Amino acid sequence: MVNITHKSNSLRKAIAVATVQVSLPETIAAMQEKRVPKGDVFSFARVAALFAIKKTDAVIPDCHPLPVEFSAVTFTIQELSIVIQVEVHTIYKTGVEVEAMHGAAIAALTIYDMLKPIDQHIEIQQIKLLSKSGGKTDPKANHTTQLQAAVIICSDSIYQQKATDKAGLAVIEKLKSFQIQTANYTVIPDEPNAIREQQQRHIVDALPLLLFVGGTGVSLRDVTSDVIRPLLEVELPGVMEQARRYGQERMPFAMLSRSVAGFIQNTLVLTLPGSTSGATEYMDALFPAVLHALAIRNNEPH
């Protein structure tokens, strides 16, 4: 199955529909009056859909097992058509559109099976996804304005060329995946003055996004968060709470991170861990949802 361990849980919803066409008005009447020999068609189809929703991962090879938090099945008669609508909700790392369509498909097949003795010309005409929301498809999680960012590496060893930067380059690759251009990439030592100088420079340049990578731990030279926190005009503690929670689910030392986030004027400033795994995990945890803060700050439609 596709690896989804990097994703975060979110509320995800999907609605699917299927249409069953019968050939006789008498067929519709028999369903409505519960005169079909095999039983109550709507009740059977509803139960079958619910079973299908919960067992989707057992029959679709690449579907992940997931908790179904809500499901609803409704039927609408439109002349000789029976429109089945299936809605599914979950709070998980992946969506439920296949579960919704599977439920609609099995409900349609159940109706077909129950009606075929009294109507020889039934057709299942379509099964389609009507809507889905949540995760990265949520409009609020996507930022359509072209953005630029600065990525500042805070590391004595990289600055002294005793080590090579991997975390910063990984962050730049993650930014690319969200169509964010890195306008500036700089390596500086773990010195308060150097950190403040970079912060001031990019605030003057009015870049919307400023990421410091490194210096967020507990060693004596980890000073990035100590320098940046007092400069924040609007701190966003929930941003880094989410990042630490996400990291803690993957390794036990994530709780030691002292990363901070917030606004200086209209620039969103994030401080990320200096390890490659830590930096990429923070990017996975925060993007693209954190960009919604920029939309709010700049009064863009959201």
Protein backbone atom coordinates (compact mmCIF):
# COMPACT_ATOMS: atom_id res chain seq x y z
CA MET A 1 0.00 0.00 0.00
CA VAL A 2 0.99 3.62 -0.47
CA ASN A 3 2.93 5.03 2.49
CA ILE A 4 0.74 7.50 4.42
CA THR A 5 2.80 7.63 7.62
CA HIS A 6 3.88 11.20 6.81
CA LYS A 7 0.27 12.44 6.69
CA SER A 8 -1.72 13.95 9.56
CA ASN A 9 -5.21 13.06 10.67
CA SER A 10 -7.95 15.42 9.58
CA LEU A 11 -11.70 15.35 9.14
CA ARG A 12 -12.40 13.89 5.71
CA LYS A 13 -15.78 13.51 4.02
CA ALA A 14 -17.00 12.03 0.78
CA ILE A 15 -20.35 11.71 -0.96
CA ALA A 16 -20.92 9.23 -3.79
CA VAL A 17 -23.98 8.43 -5.87
CA ALA A 18 -25.13 5.47 -7.92
CA THR A 19 -28.17 5.25 -10.19
CA VAL A 20 -30.26 2.14 -10.88
CA GLN A 21 -32.68 2.33 -13.79
CA VAL A 22 -35.70 0.02 -13.89
CA SER A 23 -37.95 -0.54 -16.89
CA LEU A 24 -41.43 -0.67 -15.35
CA PRO A 25 -43.42 1.70 -13.15
CA GLU A 26 -44.71 -1.46 -11.44
CA THR A 27 -41.17 -2.18 -10.22
CA ILE A 28 -41.00 1.15 -8.42
CA ALA A 29 -44.44 0.57 -6.92
CA ALA A 30 -43.44 -2.90 -5.69
CA MET A 31 -40.39 -1.44 -3.95
CA GLN A 32 -42.31 1.36 -2.31
CA GLU A 33 -45.11 -0.95 -1.18
CA LYS A 34 -42.64 -3.64 0.00
CA ARG A 35 -44.06 -6.29 -2.32
CA VAL A 36 -40.74 -7.48 -3.77
CA PRO A 37 -40.48 -11.26 -3.14
CA LYS A 38 -36.92 -11.08 -1.80
CA GLY A 39 -37.87 -8.52 0.86
CA ASP A 40 -37.63 -4.82 1.71
CA VAL A 41 -35.30 -3.54 -1.02
CA PHE A 42 -34.33 -0.26 0.64
CA SER A 43 -33.57 -1.85 4.00
CA PHE A 44 -31.46 -4.61 2.44
CA ALA A 45 -29.59 -2.16 0.22
CA ARG A 46 -28.88 0.18 3.12
CA VAL A 47 -27.43 -2.61 5.26
CA ALA A 48 -25.38 -3.89 2.32
CA ALA A 49 -23.97 -0.40 1.74
CA LEU A 50 -22.97 -0.07 5.39
CA PHE A 51 -21.22 -3.45 5.30
CA ALA A 52 -19.42 -2.43 2.10
CA ILE A 53 -18.25 0.88 3.53
CA LYS A 54 -16.66 -0.83 6.53
CA LYS A 55 -15.08 -3.63 4.46
CA THR A 56 -13.65 -1.58 1.60
CA ASP A 57 -10.02 -2.28 2.57
CA ALA A 58 -10.74 -6.03 2.43
CA VAL A 59 -11.67 -5.98 -1.26
CA ILE A 60 -9.80 -2.99 -2.76
CA PRO A 61 -6.09 -3.93 -2.52
CA ASP A 62 -4.56 -0.48 -2.04
CA CYS A 63 -7.17 0.91 0.36
CA HIS A 64 -6.05 1.41 3.95
CA PRO A 65 -8.11 0.23 6.92
CA LEU A 66 -9.58 3.32 8.52
CA PRO A 67 -12.10 4.27 11.21
CA VAL A 68 -15.54 5.07 9.82
CA GLU A 69 -16.90 7.82 12.06
CA PHE A 70 -20.18 8.39 10.21
CA SER A 71 -22.08 6.94 7.28
CA ALA A 72 -25.48 7.63 5.78
CA VAL A 73 -27.34 6.00 2.89
CA THR A 74 -30.36 7.64 1.24
CA PHE A 75 -32.56 6.68 -1.71
CA THR A 76 -34.47 9.00 -4.05
CA ILE A 77 -36.95 7.91 -6.69
CA GLN A 78 -36.83 9.93 -9.92
CA GLU A 79 -39.40 8.48 -12.35
CA LEU A 80 -37.84 5.07 -13.20
CA SER A 81 -34.49 5.79 -11.55
CA ILE A 82 -33.37 5.01 -8.03
CA VAL A 83 -30.62 7.40 -6.96
CA ILE A 84 -28.48 6.09 -4.11
CA GLN A 85 -26.43 8.61 -2.13
CA VAL A 86 -23.77 7.47 0.32
CA GLU A 87 -21.94 9.84 2.67
CA VAL A 88 -18.93 8.78 4.75
CA HIS A 89 -16.84 10.69 7.33
CA THR A 90 -13.59 9.80 9.04
CA ILE A 91 -10.84 11.47 11.04
CA TYR A 92 -7.78 9.87 9.54
CA LYS A 93 -4.75 10.30 7.28
CA THR A 94 -6.47 9.39 4.03
CA GLY A 95 -9.83 10.07 2.44
CA VAL A 96 -13.01 8.03 2.19
CA GLU A 97 -14.09 8.56 -1.42
CA VAL A 98 -13.52 4.89 -2.32
CA GLU A 99 -15.48 3.81 0.75
CA ALA A 100 -18.38 6.01 -0.32
CA MET A 101 -18.31 4.74 -3.89
CA HIS A 102 -17.98 1.14 -2.72
CA GLY A 103 -21.03 1.59 -0.52
CA ALA A 104 -23.01 3.08 -3.41
CA ALA A 105 -21.90 0.30 -5.77
CA ILE A 106 -22.90 -2.51 -3.42
CA ALA A 107 -26.23 -0.85 -2.66
CA ALA A 108 -26.87 -0.68 -6.42
CA LEU A 109 -25.93 -4.34 -6.89
CA THR A 110 -28.20 -5.32 -4.01
CA ILE A 111 -31.11 -3.48 -5.59
CA TYR A 112 -30.33 -5.13 -8.93
CA ASP A 113 -30.24 -8.58 -7.34
CA MET A 114 -33.51 -8.10 -5.47
CA LEU A 115 -35.41 -6.67 -8.44
CA LYS A 116 -34.19 -8.90 -11.27
CA PRO A 117 -36.91 -11.56 -10.65
CA ILE A 118 -39.63 -8.98 -11.38
CA ASP A 119 -37.85 -6.76 -13.93
CA GLN A 120 -35.55 -8.21 -16.58
CA HIS A 121 -34.22 -4.86 -17.87
CA ILE A 122 -32.59 -3.19 -14.86
CA GLU A 123 -29.40 -1.18 -15.42
CA ILE A 124 -26.81 0.24 -13.07
CA GLN A 125 -26.12 3.40 -14.98
CA GLN A 126 -23.42 5.21 -13.04
CA ILE A 127 -21.38 5.24 -9.88
CA LYS A 128 -19.51 8.46 -9.24
CA LEU A 129 -17.98 10.65 -6.58
CA LEU A 130 -20.11 13.70 -5.93
CA SER A 131 -17.83 15.55 -3.52
CA LYS A 132 -14.96 15.14 -1.09
CA SER A 133 -13.30 17.38 1.47
CA GLY A 134 -10.53 17.32 4.03
CA GLY A 135 -6.77 16.88 3.93
CA LYS A 136 -4.83 18.70 1.26
CA THR A 137 -7.86 18.90 -1.04
CA ASP A 138 -9.56 21.27 1.41
CA PRO A 139 -9.61 24.79 -0.11
CA LYS A 140 -8.53 26.27 3.22
CA ALA A 141 -5.42 24.10 3.17
CA ASN A 142 -4.35 25.40 -0.22
CA HIS A 143 -2.78 28.75 -0.95
CA THR A 144 -3.06 29.76 -4.58
CA THR A 145 -1.01 32.97 -4.46
CA GLN A 146 2.57 32.59 -5.69
CA LEU A 147 4.82 32.68 -2.63
CA GLN A 148 8.51 33.21 -2.02
CA ALA A 149 10.49 32.08 0.99
CA ALA A 150 13.90 32.46 2.56
CA VAL A 151 15.58 29.43 4.12
CA ILE A 152 18.28 30.23 6.68
CA ILE A 153 20.50 27.42 7.98
CA CYS A 154 21.73 28.02 11.53
CA SER A 155 24.70 25.72 12.10
CA ASP A 156 28.27 26.28 13.26
CA SER A 157 29.51 23.08 11.63
CA ILE A 158 27.90 23.76 8.24
CA TYR A 159 29.01 27.39 8.31
CA GLN A 160 32.57 26.24 9.01
CA GLN A 161 32.26 23.67 6.20
CA LYS A 162 32.83 20.78 8.59
CA ALA A 163 29.47 19.33 7.58
CA THR A 164 27.12 19.59 4.61
CA ASP A 165 23.56 20.85 4.74
CA LYS A 166 20.88 18.25 4.10
CA ALA A 167 18.00 19.53 6.19
CA GLY A 168 17.80 22.91 4.47
CA LEU A 169 17.88 21.36 1.01
CA ALA A 170 15.13 18.95 2.07
CA VAL A 171 13.05 21.91 3.22
CA ILE A 172 13.57 23.63 -0.14
CA GLU A 173 12.36 20.50 -1.94
CA LYS A 174 9.26 20.41 0.26
CA LEU A 175 8.58 24.07 -0.51
CA LYS A 176 8.82 23.31 -4.24
CA SER A 177 6.09 20.71 -3.89
CA PHE A 178 3.79 23.51 -2.71
CA GLN A 179 4.88 25.84 -5.56
CA ILE A 180 6.83 28.04 -3.13
CA GLN A 181 10.02 29.49 -4.56
CA THR A 182 13.08 29.81 -2.34
CA ALA A 183 14.31 33.33 -3.05
CA ASN A 184 17.20 33.16 -0.62
CA TYR A 185 19.21 30.31 0.90
CA THR A 186 21.86 31.26 3.45
CA VAL A 187 24.05 29.44 5.96
CA ILE A 188 24.96 31.30 9.17
CA PRO A 189 26.63 30.35 12.45
CA ASP A 190 24.68 29.79 15.67
CA GLU A 191 25.15 33.41 16.69
CA PRO A 192 22.35 35.71 17.91
CA ASN A 193 23.58 38.68 15.90
CA ALA A 194 23.71 36.67 12.68
CA ILE A 195 20.19 35.36 13.27
CA ARG A 196 18.82 38.85 14.00
CA GLU A 197 20.57 40.25 10.93
CA GLN A 198 18.91 37.68 8.66
CA GLN A 199 15.55 38.26 10.28
CA GLN A 200 15.78 42.03 9.80
CA ARG A 201 16.95 41.70 6.21
CA HIS A 202 14.05 39.54 5.12
CA ILE A 203 11.46 41.55 7.01
CA VAL A 204 12.67 44.61 5.13
CA ASP A 205 12.42 42.64 1.89
CA ALA A 206 8.82 41.74 2.91
CA LEU A 207 9.17 38.06 2.03
CA PRO A 208 5.97 36.30 3.16
CA LEU A 209 7.73 33.22 4.53
CA LEU A 210 10.96 32.97 6.54
CA LEU A 211 12.24 29.59 7.72
CA PHE A 212 15.16 29.12 10.09
CA VAL A 213 16.52 25.56 10.09
CA GLY A 214 18.57 24.50 13.11
CA GLY A 215 19.19 25.80 16.61
CA THR A 216 15.88 24.69 18.12
CA GLY A 217 17.19 22.03 20.50
CA VAL A 218 18.63 22.15 24.00
CA SER A 219 22.39 22.42 23.46
CA LEU A 220 24.16 25.58 24.60
CA ARG A 221 24.59 26.70 20.99
CA ASP A 222 20.92 26.17 20.09
CA VAL A 223 19.81 29.81 20.26
CA THR A 224 17.58 30.29 17.22
CA SER A 225 14.29 30.04 19.11
CA ASP A 226 15.62 32.23 21.95
CA VAL A 227 16.48 34.98 19.45
CA ILE A 228 13.32 34.75 17.35
CA ARG A 229 10.67 34.38 20.07
CA PRO A 230 11.00 37.94 21.51
CA LEU A 231 10.86 39.38 17.99
CA LEU A 232 7.52 37.78 17.15
CA GLU A 233 4.69 40.29 17.11
CA VAL A 234 2.03 37.58 16.95
CA GLU A 235 3.11 34.17 18.23
CA LEU A 236 1.30 31.08 16.93
CA PRO A 237 1.90 28.45 19.63
CA GLY A 238 -0.57 26.00 18.11
CA VAL A 239 1.58 25.67 14.98
CA MET A 240 4.53 24.18 16.81
CA GLU A 241 2.33 22.24 19.20
CA GLN A 242 1.04 20.42 16.12
CA ALA A 243 4.56 19.89 14.78
CA ARG A 244 5.83 18.48 18.09
CA ARG A 245 2.81 16.21 18.43
CA TYR A 246 3.36 14.94 14.90
CA GLY A 247 7.04 14.34 15.60
CA GLN A 248 6.40 12.67 18.93
CA GLU A 249 4.29 10.03 17.20
CA ARG A 250 7.38 9.10 15.18
CA MET A 251 10.29 9.37 17.60
CA PRO A 252 10.61 9.94 21.38
CA PHE A 253 12.91 12.97 21.34
CA ALA A 254 10.62 15.31 19.39
CA MET A 255 9.39 16.69 22.74
CA LEU A 256 12.79 18.37 23.18
CA SER A 257 12.25 20.72 20.26
CA ARG A 258 11.87 24.40 21.21
CA SER A 259 10.68 25.56 17.79
CA VAL A 260 8.52 28.69 17.61
CA ALA A 261 6.26 30.24 14.97
CA GLY A 262 4.59 33.58 14.44
CA PHE A 263 4.36 36.81 12.50
CA ILE A 264 6.80 39.70 12.31
CA GLN A 265 4.82 42.31 10.42
CA ASN A 266 3.28 40.24 7.59
CA THR A 267 6.07 37.67 7.39
CA LEU A 268 5.36 34.21 8.77
CA VAL A 269 8.45 33.00 10.61
CA LEU A 270 9.02 29.32 11.38
CA THR A 271 11.96 27.77 13.21
CA LEU A 272 12.58 24.14 12.27
CA PRO A 273 14.86 21.43 13.67
CA GLY A 274 18.30 21.07 12.16
CA SER A 275 18.12 17.33 11.53
CA THR A 276 16.93 16.24 8.13
CA SER A 277 14.24 13.96 9.53
CA GLY A 278 13.08 16.60 12.00
CA ALA A 279 12.89 19.35 9.38
CA THR A 280 11.00 17.21 6.85
CA GLU A 281 8.60 15.96 9.53
CA TYR A 282 7.81 19.54 10.53
CA MET A 283 7.16 20.42 6.90
CA ASP A 284 4.86 17.42 6.52
CA ALA A 285 3.05 18.34 9.73
CA LEU A 286 2.51 22.02 8.92
CA PHE A 287 2.18 22.42 5.16
CA PRO A 288 0.07 23.41 3.36
CA ALA A 289 -2.34 24.17 6.24
CA VAL A 290 -0.02 26.74 7.85
CA LEU A 291 -0.25 28.86 4.69
CA HIS A 292 -3.84 29.62 5.63
CA ALA A 293 -2.37 31.96 8.27
CA LEU A 294 -0.86 34.04 5.47
CA ALA A 295 -4.21 34.30 3.73
CA ILE A 296 -5.84 35.52 6.92
CA ARG A 297 -3.01 37.94 7.68
CA ASN A 298 -3.20 39.44 4.21
CA ASN A 299 -7.01 39.45 4.08
CA GLU A 300 -7.08 37.13 1.08
CA PRO A 301 -10.24 35.12 0.35
CA HIS A 302 -10.25 31.93 2.40
